[in-house]
Protein backbone atom coordinates (compact mmCIF):
# COMPACT_ATOMS: atom_id res chain seq x y z
CA MET A 1 6.16 39.90 -13.92
CA ALA A 2 6.59 38.20 -10.55
CA TYR A 3 6.11 34.46 -10.23
CA ASP A 4 3.72 33.02 -7.64
CA LEU A 5 6.55 31.32 -5.75
CA VAL A 6 10.33 31.17 -6.15
CA ILE A 7 12.55 28.70 -4.29
CA ASP A 8 16.10 30.08 -4.32
CA ASN A 9 19.57 28.67 -3.71
CA ALA A 10 18.51 25.03 -3.61
CA ALA A 11 20.54 21.94 -4.41
CA ILE A 12 18.24 20.74 -7.17
CA CYS A 13 17.80 16.98 -7.54
CA ASP A 14 15.70 16.90 -10.67
CA GLY A 15 14.44 13.31 -10.42
CA THR A 16 16.24 11.95 -13.49
CA GLY A 17 19.29 10.67 -11.63
CA ALA A 18 21.42 13.51 -12.98
CA PRO A 19 23.92 15.17 -10.60
CA LEU A 20 22.70 17.83 -8.19
CA PHE A 21 23.03 21.41 -9.35
CA SER A 22 22.52 24.73 -7.61
CA GLY A 23 19.76 27.01 -8.74
CA SER A 24 16.25 28.31 -8.28
CA VAL A 25 12.82 27.14 -9.33
CA ALA A 26 9.95 29.45 -10.23
CA ILE A 27 6.32 28.37 -9.93
CA GLU A 28 3.37 29.93 -11.71
CA GLN A 29 -0.24 28.71 -11.81
CA GLY A 30 0.61 25.27 -10.46
CA LYS A 31 3.41 24.62 -12.94
CA ILE A 32 7.18 24.87 -12.88
CA ALA A 33 7.75 28.01 -14.92
CA ALA A 34 11.55 28.22 -14.88
CA VAL A 35 14.60 26.40 -13.51
CA GLY A 36 18.04 27.90 -12.91
CA GLU A 37 18.23 31.67 -13.00
CA VAL A 38 14.72 32.99 -12.39
CA GLY A 39 13.10 36.37 -11.82
CA ALA A 40 11.12 37.89 -8.99
CA GLY A 41 8.47 36.08 -6.98
CA HIS A 42 5.54 37.16 -4.80
CA ARG A 43 7.02 34.79 -2.25
CA ARG A 44 10.69 33.81 -2.17
CA ILE A 45 12.11 30.98 -0.09
CA ASN A 46 15.82 30.73 0.62
CA ALA A 47 16.60 27.01 0.40
CA HIS A 48 20.32 27.25 1.15
CA GLY A 49 21.64 23.90 2.42
CA MET A 50 18.49 22.06 1.36
CA VAL A 51 17.71 19.67 -1.47
CA LEU A 52 14.74 20.41 -3.74
CA ALA A 53 13.27 17.31 -5.41
CA PRO A 54 10.10 16.37 -7.25
CA GLY A 55 7.33 15.24 -4.94
CA PHE A 56 7.49 11.55 -4.11
CA ILE A 57 4.97 9.12 -5.62
CA ASP A 58 3.56 6.23 -3.58
CA ILE A 59 2.10 3.51 -5.80
CA HIS A 60 0.69 1.29 -3.03
CA THR A 61 -1.73 2.90 -0.58
CA HIS A 62 -5.08 2.06 0.98
CA TYR A 63 -6.57 5.49 1.69
CA ASP A 64 -9.90 4.45 0.14
CA ALA A 65 -11.76 4.97 3.42
CA GLN A 66 -9.45 7.43 5.22
CA ILE A 67 -9.82 10.02 2.47
CA GLY A 68 -13.40 10.40 3.71
CA TRP A 69 -12.32 11.91 7.04
CA ASP A 70 -8.67 12.89 6.48
CA PRO A 71 -8.18 14.82 3.24
CA MET A 72 -4.48 15.39 4.07
CA LEU A 73 -3.86 11.62 3.84
CA THR A 74 -1.64 11.40 6.88
CA SER A 75 0.93 9.92 7.36
CA SER A 76 1.98 10.05 3.67
CA CYS A 77 1.87 13.83 3.34
CA TRP A 78 4.46 14.23 6.12
CA HIS A 79 7.06 12.29 4.13
CA GLY A 80 7.19 14.38 0.97
CA VAL A 81 4.64 12.27 -0.89
CA THR A 82 2.61 14.38 -3.30
CA SER A 83 0.79 11.70 -5.35
CA VAL A 84 -0.70 8.36 -4.31
CA LEU A 85 -2.24 5.37 -6.07
CA MET A 86 -5.21 4.06 -4.08
CA GLY A 87 -7.47 1.02 -4.28
CA ASN A 88 -4.76 -1.65 -4.21
CA CYS A 89 -5.20 -5.38 -3.58
CA GLY A 90 -8.71 -5.54 -4.99
CA VAL A 91 -10.51 -4.27 -1.87
CA GLY A 92 -12.22 -0.95 -1.23
CA VAL A 93 -15.49 0.81 -0.47
CA ALA A 94 -16.97 1.28 -3.94
CA PRO A 95 -18.98 0.42 -5.87
CA CYS A 96 -21.38 -0.60 -3.14
CA ARG A 97 -25.13 -0.73 -2.58
CA PRO A 98 -26.41 0.55 0.79
CA GLU A 99 -27.74 -2.83 1.88
CA GLU A 100 -24.37 -4.51 1.16
CA ARG A 101 -22.06 -2.22 3.13
CA GLY A 102 -22.06 -4.32 6.27
CA THR A 103 -20.85 -7.37 4.34
CA MET A 104 -18.43 -5.73 1.94
CA VAL A 105 -16.43 -3.81 4.54
CA TRP A 106 -15.25 -7.12 5.99
CA ASP A 107 -12.87 -7.30 3.03
CA LEU A 108 -11.06 -4.25 4.39
CA VAL A 109 -11.30 -5.52 7.96
CA ASN A 110 -9.75 -8.89 7.17
CA VAL A 111 -7.34 -7.95 4.38
CA GLU A 112 -6.20 -4.49 5.47
CA ALA A 113 -7.01 -4.63 9.20
CA MET A 114 -9.24 -1.57 9.29
CA PRO A 115 -11.73 -1.25 12.19
CA TYR A 116 -15.22 -2.40 11.24
CA ASP A 117 -17.14 0.28 13.13
CA VAL A 118 -14.87 3.05 11.83
CA LEU A 119 -15.53 1.94 8.26
CA LEU A 120 -19.26 1.53 8.71
CA ASP A 121 -19.93 4.61 10.85
CA GLY A 122 -17.05 6.92 9.93
CA LEU A 123 -17.78 7.19 6.22
CA SER A 124 -20.53 9.27 4.67
CA TRP A 125 -21.42 6.46 2.25
CA GLU A 126 -22.91 9.02 -0.10
CA TRP A 127 -22.22 6.87 -3.16
CA GLY A 128 -23.31 3.72 -4.85
CA SER A 129 -21.35 3.72 -8.10
CA PHE A 130 -17.60 4.25 -8.47
CA PRO A 131 -18.04 7.60 -10.28
CA GLN A 132 -20.14 8.80 -7.32
CA TYR A 133 -17.37 7.67 -4.96
CA ILE A 134 -14.75 9.66 -6.89
CA GLN A 135 -16.98 12.72 -6.81
CA ALA A 136 -17.57 12.37 -3.06
CA CYS A 137 -13.82 12.08 -2.38
CA THR A 138 -12.73 14.99 -4.53
CA ARG A 139 -15.43 17.61 -4.12
CA ARG A 140 -14.41 18.26 -0.50
CA GLY A 141 -10.81 18.72 -1.56
CA VAL A 142 -7.75 16.56 -0.96
CA GLY A 143 -4.20 17.45 0.01
CA LEU A 144 -2.35 15.11 -2.36
CA ASN A 145 -2.87 14.10 -5.95
CA VAL A 146 -4.89 10.88 -6.03
CA ALA A 147 -5.35 8.09 -8.54
CA PHE A 148 -8.19 5.64 -7.83
CA MET A 149 -8.14 2.01 -8.94
CA VAL A 150 -11.41 0.09 -9.03
CA PRO A 151 -11.14 -2.83 -6.56
CA LEU A 152 -12.22 -5.98 -8.35
CA SER A 153 -13.64 -7.65 -5.24
CA ALA A 154 -16.05 -4.75 -4.75
CA LEU A 155 -16.89 -4.68 -8.45
CA ARG A 156 -17.65 -8.42 -8.54
CA PHE A 157 -19.74 -8.23 -5.38
CA TYR A 158 -21.70 -5.30 -6.84
CA VAL A 159 -22.54 -7.35 -9.96
CA MET A 160 -22.75 -10.90 -8.61
CA GLY A 161 -23.75 -10.61 -4.95
CA GLU A 162 -22.68 -13.46 -2.68
CA ALA A 163 -21.88 -15.63 -5.71
CA ALA A 164 -18.82 -13.41 -6.22
CA SER A 165 -17.02 -15.38 -3.49
CA GLN A 166 -18.03 -18.73 -4.96
CA ARG A 167 -17.42 -18.83 -8.71
CA ALA A 168 -16.20 -17.15 -11.87
CA ALA A 169 -18.52 -14.70 -13.63
CA SER A 170 -20.89 -15.61 -16.44
CA ASP A 171 -20.68 -13.90 -19.82
CA GLU A 172 -23.47 -11.54 -18.85
CA GLU A 173 -21.86 -10.72 -15.50
CA THR A 174 -18.50 -10.17 -17.20
CA ALA A 175 -20.08 -7.75 -19.66
CA ALA A 176 -21.71 -5.88 -16.78
CA MET A 177 -18.38 -5.57 -14.96
CA ALA A 178 -16.63 -4.34 -18.09
CA ALA A 179 -19.33 -1.70 -18.60
CA LEU A 180 -18.99 -0.52 -14.98
CA LEU A 181 -15.19 -0.37 -15.28
CA ARG A 182 -15.54 1.69 -18.46
CA GLU A 183 -17.93 4.04 -16.68
CA ALA A 184 -15.49 4.38 -13.79
CA MET A 185 -12.55 5.06 -16.12
CA GLN A 186 -14.53 7.70 -17.97
CA ALA A 187 -15.18 9.35 -14.59
CA GLY A 188 -11.48 9.36 -13.73
CA ALA A 189 -10.58 5.93 -12.30
CA TYR A 190 -7.02 4.88 -13.11
CA GLY A 191 -7.42 1.14 -13.60
CA PHE A 192 -8.31 -1.84 -11.47
CA SER A 193 -6.72 -4.08 -8.86
CA LEU A 194 -7.19 -7.62 -7.63
CA THR A 195 -5.78 -10.15 -5.22
CA MET A 196 -5.29 -13.88 -5.58
CA PHE A 197 -3.60 -14.25 -2.18
CA GLU A 198 -4.87 -17.26 -0.23
CA LEU A 199 -4.59 -15.24 2.98
CA HIS A 200 -7.10 -12.66 1.74
CA ASN A 201 -10.52 -13.62 3.01
CA GLY A 202 -13.61 -11.50 3.53
CA TYR A 203 -16.91 -11.95 5.32
CA GLN A 204 -16.90 -15.00 7.64
CA GLY A 205 -13.65 -16.25 6.15
CA ARG A 206 -14.93 -16.56 2.58
CA PRO A 207 -12.41 -15.78 -0.17
CA VAL A 208 -12.46 -12.14 -1.22
CA ALA A 209 -14.32 -12.01 -4.50
CA SER A 210 -11.41 -11.26 -6.85
CA ARG A 211 -9.82 -14.60 -5.92
CA LEU A 212 -12.60 -16.30 -7.89
CA ALA A 213 -12.11 -14.24 -11.06
CA GLY A 214 -11.61 -16.29 -14.20
CA MET A 215 -9.23 -15.57 -17.06
CA GLU A 216 -12.09 -14.67 -19.42
CA GLU A 217 -13.46 -11.96 -17.17
CA LEU A 218 -9.98 -10.61 -16.40
CA GLY A 219 -9.31 -10.49 -20.13
CA ALA A 220 -12.53 -8.54 -20.71
CA LEU A 221 -11.57 -6.00 -18.07
CA ALA A 222 -8.08 -5.69 -19.55
CA ARG A 223 -9.54 -5.05 -23.00
CA THR A 224 -11.67 -2.31 -21.47
CA MET A 225 -8.49 -0.70 -20.11
CA ALA A 226 -7.06 -0.70 -23.65
CA GLU A 227 -9.69 1.86 -24.63
CA PHE A 228 -7.97 4.52 -22.49
CA PRO A 229 -4.61 6.26 -22.96
CA ARG A 230 -3.43 5.70 -19.39
CA GLY A 231 -4.08 3.44 -16.45
CA VAL A 232 -2.58 0.59 -14.47
CA ILE A 233 -3.46 -2.89 -13.21
CA GLU A 234 -2.23 -4.09 -9.81
CA VAL A 235 -2.25 -7.75 -8.79
CA SER A 236 -1.56 -8.96 -5.27
CA ALA A 237 -0.04 -12.44 -5.08
CA PRO A 238 -0.88 -13.64 -8.63
CA ARG A 239 -1.71 -17.23 -7.69
CA SER A 240 1.55 -17.34 -5.79
CA ARG A 241 3.79 -20.29 -5.23
CA GLN A 242 3.37 -21.34 -1.62
CA ASN A 243 5.54 -19.39 0.82
CA SER A 244 7.38 -17.49 -1.92
CA ALA A 245 5.25 -14.45 -2.91
CA LEU A 246 6.23 -15.30 -6.50
CA PRO A 247 3.72 -16.06 -9.27
CA SER A 248 2.84 -19.65 -10.06
CA GLU A 249 2.77 -20.73 -13.71
CA GLU A 250 -0.90 -19.76 -13.83
CA GLY A 251 -0.12 -16.43 -12.17
CA PHE A 252 2.68 -15.70 -14.61
CA ALA A 253 0.37 -16.39 -17.57
CA MET A 254 -2.28 -14.14 -16.02
CA LEU A 255 0.12 -11.20 -15.65
CA VAL A 256 1.28 -11.53 -19.25
CA MET A 257 -2.30 -11.78 -20.49
CA LEU A 258 -3.36 -8.67 -18.57
CA ALA A 259 -0.47 -6.66 -20.03
CA GLN A 260 -1.04 -7.94 -23.56
CA LYS A 261 -4.76 -7.25 -23.64
CA SER A 262 -4.71 -3.94 -21.77
CA ARG A 263 -1.47 -2.56 -23.27
CA LYS A 264 -1.05 -0.93 -19.87
CA PRO A 265 1.57 -1.34 -17.14
CA VAL A 266 0.93 -4.17 -14.69
CA THR A 267 2.46 -4.33 -11.23
CA TRP A 268 2.41 -7.34 -8.93
CA LEU A 269 3.21 -8.21 -5.33
CA SER A 270 5.87 -8.94 -4.55
CA VAL A 271 9.60 -9.56 -4.48
CA LEU A 272 10.54 -9.98 -0.82
CA ASP A 273 13.14 -11.81 1.26
CA VAL A 274 10.96 -14.67 2.47
CA PRO A 275 12.55 -17.10 4.97
CA GLY A 276 13.21 -20.49 3.44
CA LEU A 277 12.94 -19.25 -0.16
CA LYS A 278 15.29 -21.12 -2.47
CA PRO A 279 18.13 -18.82 -3.66
CA GLY A 280 17.82 -17.57 -7.21
CA LEU A 281 14.05 -18.02 -7.58
CA GLN A 282 13.34 -14.29 -7.61
CA GLU A 283 16.05 -13.54 -10.15
CA ALA A 284 14.78 -16.37 -12.35
CA MET A 285 11.23 -15.04 -12.19
CA LEU A 286 12.32 -11.53 -13.15
CA ALA A 287 14.30 -12.97 -16.06
CA ARG A 288 11.17 -14.68 -17.37
CA PHE A 289 9.51 -11.31 -17.86
CA GLU A 290 12.45 -9.87 -19.80
CA PRO A 291 11.40 -11.10 -23.29
CA TYR A 292 7.99 -9.53 -22.76
CA ARG A 293 9.58 -6.27 -21.65
CA LEU A 294 11.53 -6.22 -24.92
CA GLN A 295 8.18 -6.61 -26.71
CA GLY A 296 6.95 -3.44 -25.01
CA LEU A 297 5.01 -4.96 -22.09
CA ASP A 298 5.66 -3.32 -18.73
CA ILE A 299 5.20 -5.93 -15.97
CA ARG A 300 7.00 -5.08 -12.75
CA PRO A 301 6.91 -6.35 -9.18
CA GLN A 302 7.08 -4.20 -6.08
CA THR A 303 9.38 -4.52 -3.11
CA MET A 304 9.73 -2.63 0.14
CA THR A 305 12.69 -0.92 1.73
CA ARG A 306 12.43 -2.32 5.26
CA PRO A 307 11.39 -5.44 7.16
CA LEU A 308 7.81 -6.55 6.67
CA GLN A 309 6.23 -6.87 10.09
CA THR A 310 2.62 -7.62 10.85
CA TYR A 311 0.76 -6.90 14.06
CA LEU A 312 -1.55 -9.63 15.22
CA SER A 313 -4.23 -9.93 17.85
CA LEU A 314 -6.34 -13.04 18.17
CA ARG A 315 -9.41 -10.83 18.11
CA GLU A 316 -8.58 -10.04 14.45
CA PRO A 317 -6.47 -13.03 13.36
CA PHE A 318 -6.30 -12.14 9.66
CA SER A 319 -2.63 -13.22 9.48
CA PHE A 320 -3.74 -16.84 9.86
CA GLY A 321 -6.42 -16.55 7.19
CA ARG A 322 -4.65 -19.06 4.95
CA TYR A 323 -5.21 -21.80 7.57
CA ALA A 324 -8.52 -23.58 7.14
CA CYS A 325 -8.91 -24.03 10.89
CA TRP A 326 -8.51 -20.30 11.56
CA ARG A 327 -11.23 -19.26 9.17
CA LYS A 328 -13.71 -20.34 11.81
CA ALA A 329 -12.38 -17.48 13.97
CA LEU A 330 -12.90 -14.69 11.48
CA ASN A 331 -15.70 -12.17 12.08
CA ARG A 332 -16.96 -13.92 15.23
CA SER A 333 -17.65 -12.55 18.68
CA ALA A 334 -14.81 -12.56 21.21
CA ALA A 335 -16.70 -15.09 23.31
CA ASP A 336 -17.03 -17.47 20.36
CA GLN A 337 -13.36 -17.02 19.49
CA ILE A 338 -12.24 -17.82 23.05
CA VAL A 339 -14.30 -21.03 23.02
CA LEU A 340 -12.65 -21.97 19.73
CA TYR A 341 -9.11 -21.17 20.92
CA ARG A 342 -9.59 -23.24 24.08
CA SER A 343 -10.73 -26.23 22.09
CA PRO A 344 -8.23 -29.13 21.97
CA GLU A 345 -9.60 -29.98 18.53
CA PHE A 346 -8.75 -26.51 17.19
CA ARG A 347 -5.26 -26.67 18.66
CA ALA A 348 -4.67 -30.07 17.11
CA GLU A 349 -5.86 -28.80 13.71
CA PHE A 350 -3.62 -25.73 14.01
CA ARG A 351 -0.57 -27.86 14.88
CA ALA A 352 -1.23 -30.19 11.97
CA GLU A 353 -1.69 -27.39 9.45
CA ASP A 354 1.30 -25.49 10.77
CA ARG A 355 3.59 -28.50 10.49
CA ALA A 356 2.35 -29.17 6.95
CA ARG A 357 3.36 -25.70 5.75
CA PRO A 358 6.95 -25.11 4.60
CA GLY A 359 8.67 -23.40 7.52
CA GLY A 360 5.46 -23.18 9.54
CA THR A 361 4.97 -20.27 11.94
CA ASN A 362 8.24 -18.75 13.09
CA TRP A 363 7.67 -18.45 16.83
CA GLU A 364 11.18 -17.01 17.28
CA THR A 365 10.11 -13.88 15.40
CA THR A 366 6.61 -13.66 16.91
CA VAL A 367 7.05 -11.20 19.78
CA VAL A 368 4.68 -9.94 22.49
CA VAL A 369 4.39 -6.16 22.09
CA SER A 370 1.16 -5.31 23.91
CA VAL A 371 0.24 -6.96 27.20
CA SER A 372 -1.49 -6.17 30.50
CA GLU A 373 0.36 -5.25 33.69
CA ARG A 374 -0.08 -8.69 35.21
CA ASN A 375 1.67 -10.28 32.21
CA GLN A 376 4.44 -7.72 31.76
CA ARG A 377 7.01 -10.46 32.26
CA PHE A 378 6.20 -11.58 28.72
CA PHE A 379 6.64 -8.16 27.08
CA GLY A 380 9.32 -8.15 24.38
CA LYS A 381 9.75 -11.91 24.48
CA SER A 382 9.18 -14.23 21.56
CA ILE A 383 6.63 -17.00 21.84
CA ALA A 384 9.46 -19.50 21.33
CA GLN A 385 11.33 -18.01 24.30
CA ILE A 386 8.22 -18.16 26.50
CA GLY A 387 7.74 -21.77 25.47
CA ARG A 388 11.29 -22.66 26.43
CA GLU A 389 11.03 -20.88 29.78
CA GLU A 390 7.77 -22.63 30.65
CA GLY A 391 8.55 -25.97 29.05
CA ARG A 392 5.39 -25.78 26.96
CA ASP A 393 4.41 -25.96 23.31
CA PRO A 394 4.59 -22.48 21.67
CA ILE A 395 1.08 -22.84 20.25
CA ASP A 396 -0.34 -23.40 23.73
CA CYS A 397 1.63 -20.43 25.10
CA PHE A 398 0.39 -18.25 22.26
CA LEU A 399 -3.27 -19.12 22.63
CA ASP A 400 -3.32 -19.24 26.44
CA LEU A 401 -1.74 -15.80 26.80
CA ALA A 402 -4.29 -14.29 24.43
CA ILE A 403 -7.19 -15.98 26.20
CA ASP A 404 -5.94 -14.81 29.60
CA GLU A 405 -6.14 -11.22 28.31
CA GLU A 406 -9.51 -11.61 26.59
CA LEU A 407 -7.79 -11.45 23.19
CA GLU A 408 -6.27 -8.00 23.79
CA THR A 409 -2.65 -9.21 23.62
CA GLY A 410 -0.68 -7.79 20.70
CA PHE A 411 1.97 -9.75 18.80
CA LEU A 412 4.43 -8.48 16.20
CA ARG A 413 5.57 -10.94 13.56
CA SER A 414 8.57 -10.40 11.28
CA VAL A 415 7.60 -12.24 8.13
CA ALA A 416 9.84 -10.98 5.32
CA ASN A 417 12.80 -8.73 4.46
CA ILE A 418 14.49 -9.75 7.69
CA ASP A 419 18.03 -10.11 6.28
CA PRO A 420 19.37 -6.61 5.42
CA ASN A 421 21.95 -8.07 3.03
CA ARG A 422 19.22 -9.74 1.02
CA VAL A 423 17.09 -6.58 1.07
CA ARG A 424 20.08 -4.72 -0.37
CA GLU A 425 20.07 -7.17 -3.27
CA LEU A 426 16.32 -6.86 -3.80
CA LEU A 427 16.50 -3.07 -3.95
CA SER A 428 19.19 -3.37 -6.61
CA PHE A 429 17.19 -5.65 -8.93
CA PRO A 430 16.35 -3.98 -12.27
CA ASN A 431 12.71 -3.24 -13.12
CA VAL A 432 11.51 -3.61 -9.52
CA LEU A 433 9.35 -0.79 -8.17
CA LEU A 434 9.51 0.62 -4.66
CA GLY A 435 6.09 0.23 -3.11
CA LEU A 436 4.23 -1.61 -0.39
CA SER A 437 4.03 1.23 2.09
CA ASP A 438 0.42 0.05 2.65
CA ALA A 439 -0.31 3.58 3.86
CA GLY A 440 -3.85 3.81 5.21
CA ALA A 441 -4.08 0.12 6.09
CA HIS A 442 -3.40 -1.83 9.30
CA VAL A 443 -4.01 1.43 11.10
CA ASN A 444 -3.87 0.08 14.65
CA GLN A 445 -1.15 -2.47 13.97
CA ILE A 446 1.72 -1.03 12.00
CA CYS A 447 2.56 2.11 10.03
CA GLN A 448 5.18 2.24 7.30
CA ALA A 449 3.85 5.19 5.34
CA GLY A 450 7.31 6.77 5.45
CA GLU A 451 8.90 4.41 2.92
CA ALA A 452 10.24 7.41 0.98
CA SER A 453 11.97 9.10 3.88
CA TYR A 454 13.19 5.71 5.13
CA LEU A 455 14.84 5.00 1.77
CA LEU A 456 16.66 8.34 1.85
CA SER A 457 17.68 7.84 5.47
CA GLU A 458 18.65 4.18 5.52
CA TRP A 459 19.69 3.22 2.00
CA VAL A 460 21.06 6.57 0.80
CA ARG A 461 22.56 8.29 3.84
CA LYS A 462 23.47 5.37 6.12
CA GLN A 463 24.01 2.33 3.91
CA LYS A 464 25.05 4.28 0.81
CA LEU A 465 23.43 1.72 -1.47
CA PHE A 466 22.16 4.56 -3.66
CA SER A 467 23.42 8.03 -4.37
CA LEU A 468 21.00 10.75 -3.37
CA GLU A 469 20.22 11.36 -7.03
CA GLU A 470 19.41 7.68 -7.63
CA GLY A 471 17.37 7.39 -4.45
CA VAL A 472 15.25 10.36 -5.50
CA ARG A 473 14.87 8.96 -9.02
CA ARG A 474 13.48 5.71 -7.57
CA LEU A 475 10.83 7.75 -5.72
CA THR A 476 9.93 10.19 -8.49
CA SER A 477 10.55 9.73 -12.21
CA GLU A 478 10.59 5.93 -12.00
CA PRO A 479 7.01 5.59 -10.64
CA ALA A 480 5.88 8.57 -12.74
CA ASP A 481 7.11 6.88 -15.92
CA PHE A 482 5.53 3.59 -14.91
CA LEU A 483 2.16 5.29 -14.38
CA ARG A 484 2.62 7.38 -17.54
CA LEU A 485 2.39 10.61 -15.55
CA ASN A 486 4.37 12.65 -18.01
CA ASP A 487 4.05 15.93 -16.13
CA LYS A 488 5.29 14.57 -12.80
CA GLY A 489 8.46 13.12 -11.32
CA ARG A 490 10.91 15.64 -12.77
CA ILE A 491 11.88 19.23 -12.07
CA ALA A 492 11.57 20.76 -15.51
CA ALA A 493 9.79 23.76 -16.97
CA GLY A 494 6.18 22.92 -17.83
CA ASN A 495 5.85 20.06 -15.35
CA ASP A 496 3.48 20.12 -12.39
CA ALA A 497 4.87 21.99 -9.39
CA ASP A 498 4.83 19.05 -6.97
CA LEU A 499 8.00 19.47 -4.92
CA VAL A 500 9.64 18.53 -1.63
CA LEU A 501 12.36 20.54 0.12
CA PHE A 502 14.44 18.57 2.62
CA ASP A 503 17.65 18.37 4.60
CA PRO A 504 19.55 15.32 3.28
CA ASP A 505 21.40 14.96 6.58
CA ARG A 506 18.22 14.71 8.65
CA ILE A 507 15.42 13.30 6.52
CA GLY A 508 13.89 10.12 7.91
CA PRO A 509 10.87 8.72 9.72
CA LYS A 510 10.27 9.51 13.37
CA PRO A 511 9.27 6.83 15.90
CA ILE A 512 5.76 5.44 15.63
CA GLU A 513 3.08 7.23 17.68
CA ARG A 514 -0.38 6.10 18.76
CA VAL A 515 -3.07 8.75 18.33
CA TYR A 516 -6.84 8.68 18.80
CA ASP A 517 -8.06 10.60 15.76
CA LEU A 518 -10.09 8.02 13.84
CA PRO A 519 -13.86 8.56 13.74
CA GLY A 520 -15.29 7.84 17.16
CA GLY A 521 -11.94 8.58 18.82
CA LYS A 522 -10.54 5.18 17.85
CA PRO A 523 -6.73 4.72 17.85
CA ARG A 524 -4.28 4.37 15.02
CA LEU A 525 -0.52 4.42 14.55
CA ILE A 526 1.15 7.29 12.70
CA GLU A 527 4.67 7.92 11.49
CA ARG A 528 5.84 11.52 11.22
CA ALA A 529 8.98 12.67 9.41
CA GLU A 530 11.92 14.85 10.25
CA GLY A 531 14.14 16.88 7.97
CA ILE A 532 11.40 17.93 5.54
CA ALA A 533 11.06 21.69 5.37
CA MET A 534 8.31 22.08 2.79
CA THR A 535 5.97 20.11 0.56
CA VAL A 536 4.41 21.80 -2.46
CA VAL A 537 1.44 20.31 -4.34
CA GLY A 538 0.15 21.92 -7.51
CA GLY A 539 2.22 25.02 -6.83
CA GLN A 540 0.76 25.57 -3.34
CA VAL A 541 2.62 25.04 -0.09
CA LEU A 542 0.80 22.15 1.55
CA LEU A 543 3.09 21.70 4.58
CA GLU A 544 5.83 23.84 6.09
CA ASN A 545 8.01 22.14 8.69
CA GLY A 546 5.24 19.57 9.05
CA ASP A 547 2.50 22.13 9.67
CA PRO A 548 -0.48 22.22 7.29
CA GLN A 549 -0.95 25.53 5.53
CA GLY A 550 -4.74 25.39 5.20
CA VAL A 551 -4.93 24.40 1.54
CA LEU A 552 -6.07 21.25 -0.26
CA PRO A 553 -4.45 21.55 -3.68
CA GLY A 554 -4.44 17.88 -4.72
CA ARG A 555 -6.21 16.83 -7.88
CA LEU A 556 -7.57 13.70 -9.48
CA LEU A 557 -5.08 11.87 -11.69
CA SER A 558 -7.25 10.52 -14.49
CA PRO A 559 -6.56 8.24 -17.47
CA ALA A 560 -7.56 10.91 -19.97
């Protein structure tokens, strides 16, 4: 008998952290049939000089809308990613009633910087309930394996209406949410997500609905999760300490409660190198979870492999959403925003709030990256530098430049993971997951979907922080074990044939490109990869040297 596909002469990195070994892998009916010495295949690929690894797993993506028009889930598919967890940070597009779409999508606009008209007009919106959304996403086919979390802000809005952004749920509303979560899980949803981040605001600057969730309703949802064998809960900024990204006492108690009542893994955002953070705080927080880990609770933060940068335009000033004065600018016309930004009262309020915050805005790391021809002299300069050159307050320089360009100026802010030595330490912390690619979000501002290839390029090949085997383990069996995906993350007979074949000397992300392929021809940033020869999903070759092979073999990862 000949196997469907045989990959010969590969350096096999099996995902466990074990040393590389030479051999072949046979694939039959979507599964790994044999490893080592294998027989004949209908198609044979000579992988000499290449590494064969399990497909990479990305636990933090925002493809909730993009899956509706891009079933390949670019840019992730180009970087060897074969499975993604969607619906993070409590925001998404389902469940949703038709008459509420125009309000609810502002969550994604303000939190994940997705274009309003693309969301409203680019989606089919052929669903109301979450099960209908899953069906709509999967019946057309999808390139990668997908796990859907129910976004709590959407769920609360569906049950409570506008009150969802104003108060905790009643007993009746909590019971309704639990019933809808159960229905979604039975249809294949993989858990739920929420955010408590003060920066996350929705329609007209109101808090996104999950920020108002009470402990009783969160406990009820967690107990619903306990009814299922698998699933995960993701929490963004669990009532964080100011300017630290670490949980407050209330946030810590919430994470423990969610894990105890759900008996499911819980992941939270995030452990990052934040300027001004007192040394040792992150290590101390991780140590506080250790007794619970020994009791069998799996509560892990995420970190990212490279600097966290955010793109900002004053037309969509979501980065300043934590400032009370800036909430007046959210979801307003450009003309109204310009009037506001010119106002001496607004500028005075901004200065006062900025000074009151630990560290304030770092104008040295706020750089002009998109500017008209007449203002090219400012390109690449920080706002602090412009202020020094002109002898003016940085806040006035910042606002006046944006106003002069009718709010089209683009600024890039480095906000975390700036010190590579500290990032090296963060990546070495035990029980910290690699995540935060944010793939599918901030589409016209920044793209870091290639976290996997960046890790193998920067921290394995260049910095040598990890061996190749350990780097691959962090991208494969570690997230697979966390998500309880027992048939993924390892090259072993009987496991799913999700694989990536790459050149270890070349793998890495390519420079960012701007393309115009969103619905309506709108722009976005993409990040392609180099050094990846082949990506296999469910036993089918999805991409060969970056080129799609005309198949959509991804499947729904369900809690069953």
